[in-house]
Amino acid sequence: MQETNAPADRSHPVLVEIRDRLKDVIFSGGENISSIEVESVLLRHPAVQEAAIVGLPHERWGEAPHAFVVLRQGAQTGEAELRELRGLTSLTSKAA
């Protein structure tokens, strides 16, 4: 399991409920990427019900944004289509 240091409830022996994140900015190759802004762009897509962006270690950039997306029931889309969303490319281009 990836260690995130996010505030979480671990009272259940199997489930972990993430309550928040420690930071909203991902530092990637000298650029500051707002996870909240990226989530906002993803949530504009009609197929996306939920989105969460986290920074994961990247050997070249230090951190890179990674999206966790839940689609609406019956909806279909793919990573390539979501990466092309207007506004998303400029927010995350360095970390791609």
C-alpha atoms as a PDB file:
ATOM      1  CA  MET A   1       0.000   0.000   0.000  1.00  0.00           C
ATOM      2  CA  GLN A   2       1.259   3.481  -0.877  1.00  0.00           C
ATOM      3  CA  GLU A   3       1.918   5.597   2.225  1.00  0.00           C
ATOM      4  CA  THR A   4       0.146   8.943   1.832  1.00  0.00           C
ATOM      5  CA  ASN A   5       0.177  10.368   5.360  1.00  0.00           C
ATOM      6  CA  ALA A   6      -3.409  11.483   4.659  1.00  0.00           C
ATOM      7  CA  PRO A   7      -5.709  11.880   7.663  1.00  0.00           C
ATOM      8  CA  ALA A   8      -7.609   8.599   7.784  1.00  0.00           C
ATOM      9  CA  ASP A   9      -9.841   6.500  10.005  1.00  0.00           C
ATOM     10  CA  ARG A  10      -8.276   3.063  10.514  1.00  0.00           C
ATOM     11  CA  SER A  11     -10.667   1.871  13.216  1.00  0.00           C
ATOM     12  CA  HIS A  12     -12.019  -0.937  11.021  1.00  0.00           C
ATOM     13  CA  PRO A  13      -9.642  -3.917  10.639  1.00  0.00           C
ATOM     14  CA  VAL A  14     -10.064  -4.094   6.843  1.00  0.00           C
ATOM     15  CA  LEU A  15     -11.320  -0.718   5.614  1.00  0.00           C
ATOM     16  CA  VAL A  16      -9.504   2.603   5.632  1.00  0.00           C
ATOM     17  CA  GLU A  17     -11.527   5.769   5.177  1.00  0.00           C
ATOM     18  CA  ILE A  18      -9.507   8.700   3.842  1.00  0.00           C
ATOM     19  CA  ARG A  19     -10.842  11.877   5.463  1.00  0.00           C
ATOM     20  CA  ASP A  20      -8.749  14.538   3.757  1.00  0.00           C
ATOM     21  CA  ARG A  21      -5.350  15.121   2.167  1.00  0.00           C
ATOM     22  CA  LEU A  22      -2.399  16.824   3.784  1.00  0.00           C
ATOM     23  CA  LYS A  23      -1.733  19.122   0.837  1.00  0.00           C
ATOM     24  CA  ASP A  24      -3.611  20.414  -2.206  1.00  0.00           C
ATOM     25  CA  VAL A  25      -0.574  21.304  -4.325  1.00  0.00           C
ATOM     26  CA  ILE A  26       1.568  18.787  -6.197  1.00  0.00           C
ATOM     27  CA  PHE A  27       5.148  19.935  -6.796  1.00  0.00           C
ATOM     28  CA  SER A  28       6.217  18.485 -10.139  1.00  0.00           C
ATOM     29  CA  GLY A  29       9.478  19.537 -11.761  1.00  0.00           C
ATOM     30  CA  GLY A  30       9.351  23.047 -10.352  1.00  0.00           C
ATOM     31  CA  GLU A  31       5.683  23.518 -11.276  1.00  0.00           C
ATOM     32  CA  ASN A  32       2.862  23.758  -8.748  1.00  0.00           C
ATOM     33  CA  ILE A  33      -0.195  21.748  -9.785  1.00  0.00           C
ATOM     34  CA  SER A  34      -3.430  22.305  -7.873  1.00  0.00           C
ATOM     35  CA  SER A  35      -5.132  18.969  -7.225  1.00  0.00           C
ATOM     36  CA  ILE A  36      -8.397  20.842  -6.655  1.00  0.00           C
ATOM     37  CA  GLU A  37      -8.212  22.509 -10.094  1.00  0.00           C
ATOM     38  CA  VAL A  38      -7.449  19.205 -11.841  1.00  0.00           C
ATOM     39  CA  GLU A  39     -10.349  17.503 -10.029  1.00  0.00           C
ATOM     40  CA  SER A  40     -12.630  20.365 -11.078  1.00  0.00           C
ATOM     41  CA  VAL A  41     -11.725  19.882 -14.752  1.00  0.00           C
ATOM     42  CA  LEU A  42     -12.273  16.115 -14.558  1.00  0.00           C
ATOM     43  CA  LEU A  43     -15.655  16.564 -12.851  1.00  0.00           C
ATOM     44  CA  ARG A  44     -16.880  18.638 -15.835  1.00  0.00           C
ATOM     45  CA  HIS A  45     -16.814  15.501 -18.003  1.00  0.00           C
ATOM     46  CA  PRO A  46     -20.331  14.020 -18.164  1.00  0.00           C
ATOM     47  CA  ALA A  47     -19.070  10.472 -17.514  1.00  0.00           C
ATOM     48  CA  VAL A  48     -17.180  11.355 -14.318  1.00  0.00           C
ATOM     49  CA  GLN A  49     -19.009  11.015 -11.016  1.00  0.00           C
ATOM     50  CA  GLU A  50     -16.044  11.360  -8.643  1.00  0.00           C
ATOM     51  CA  ALA A  51     -12.401  12.326  -9.032  1.00  0.00           C
ATOM     52  CA  ALA A  52      -9.430  12.529  -6.696  1.00  0.00           C
ATOM     53  CA  ILE A  53      -5.934  13.697  -7.605  1.00  0.00           C
ATOM     54  CA  VAL A  54      -2.858  12.779  -5.582  1.00  0.00           C
ATOM     55  CA  GLY A  55       0.835  13.345  -6.086  1.00  0.00           C
ATOM     56  CA  LEU A  56       2.903  10.181  -6.281  1.00  0.00           C
ATOM     57  CA  PRO A  57       6.694   9.983  -6.366  1.00  0.00           C
ATOM     58  CA  HIS A  58       8.233  10.391  -9.820  1.00  0.00           C
ATOM     59  CA  GLU A  59      11.947   9.870 -10.428  1.00  0.00           C
ATOM     60  CA  ARG A  60      12.289  12.743 -12.914  1.00  0.00           C
ATOM     61  CA  TRP A  61       9.769  15.318 -11.632  1.00  0.00           C
ATOM     62  CA  GLY A  62       9.778  14.597  -7.884  1.00  0.00           C
ATOM     63  CA  GLU A  63       6.003  14.138  -7.886  1.00  0.00           C
ATOM     64  CA  ALA A  64       3.456  13.490 -10.612  1.00  0.00           C
ATOM     65  CA  PRO A  65      -0.327  13.846 -10.406  1.00  0.00           C
ATOM     66  CA  HIS A  66      -2.357  10.653 -10.552  1.00  0.00           C
ATOM     67  CA  ALA A  67      -6.125  10.595 -10.968  1.00  0.00           C
ATOM     68  CA  PHE A  68      -8.551   8.189  -9.364  1.00  0.00           C
ATOM     69  CA  VAL A  69     -11.851   8.447 -11.232  1.00  0.00           C
ATOM     70  CA  VAL A  70     -15.261   6.878 -10.644  1.00  0.00           C
ATOM     71  CA  LEU A  71     -17.533   6.894 -13.679  1.00  0.00           C
ATOM     72  CA  ARG A  72     -21.281   7.348 -13.567  1.00  0.00           C
ATOM     73  CA  GLN A  73     -23.251   4.130 -13.850  1.00  0.00           C
ATOM     74  CA  GLY A  74     -23.393   3.056 -17.498  1.00  0.00           C
ATOM     75  CA  ALA A  75     -20.930   5.747 -18.611  1.00  0.00           C
ATOM     76  CA  GLN A  76     -17.829   5.000 -20.637  1.00  0.00           C
ATOM     77  CA  THR A  77     -14.663   6.968 -21.259  1.00  0.00           C
ATOM     78  CA  GLY A  78     -10.957   6.313 -21.229  1.00  0.00           C
ATOM     79  CA  GLU A  79      -7.725   7.785 -19.954  1.00  0.00           C
ATOM     80  CA  ALA A  80      -6.864   9.323 -23.329  1.00  0.00           C
ATOM     81  CA  GLU A  81     -10.209  11.152 -23.543  1.00  0.00           C
ATOM     82  CA  LEU A  82      -9.915  12.476 -19.985  1.00  0.00           C
ATOM     83  CA  ARG A  83      -6.338  13.677 -20.599  1.00  0.00           C
ATOM     84  CA  GLU A  84      -7.602  15.771 -23.540  1.00  0.00           C
ATOM     85  CA  LEU A  85     -10.142  17.726 -21.492  1.00  0.00           C
ATOM     86  CA  ARG A  86      -9.953  21.465 -22.051  1.00  0.00           C
ATOM     87  CA  GLY A  87      -7.855  22.950 -19.292  1.00  0.00           C
ATOM     88  CA  LEU A  88      -6.399  19.691 -18.028  1.00  0.00           C
ATOM     89  CA  THR A  89      -3.424  19.598 -20.382  1.00  0.00           C
ATOM     90  CA  SER A  90      -2.135  22.983 -19.253  1.00  0.00           C
ATOM     91  CA  LEU A  91      -2.491  21.990 -15.591  1.00  0.00           C
ATOM     92  CA  THR A  92      -0.607  18.700 -15.855  1.00  0.00           C
ATOM     93  CA  SER A  93       1.514  18.844 -19.031  1.00  0.00           C
ATOM     94  CA  LYS A  94       4.886  18.678 -17.286  1.00  0.00           C
ATOM     95  CA  ALA A  95       4.033  15.556 -15.276  1.00  0.00           C
ATOM     96  CA  ALA A  96       2.732  13.474 -18.198  1.00  0.00           C
END
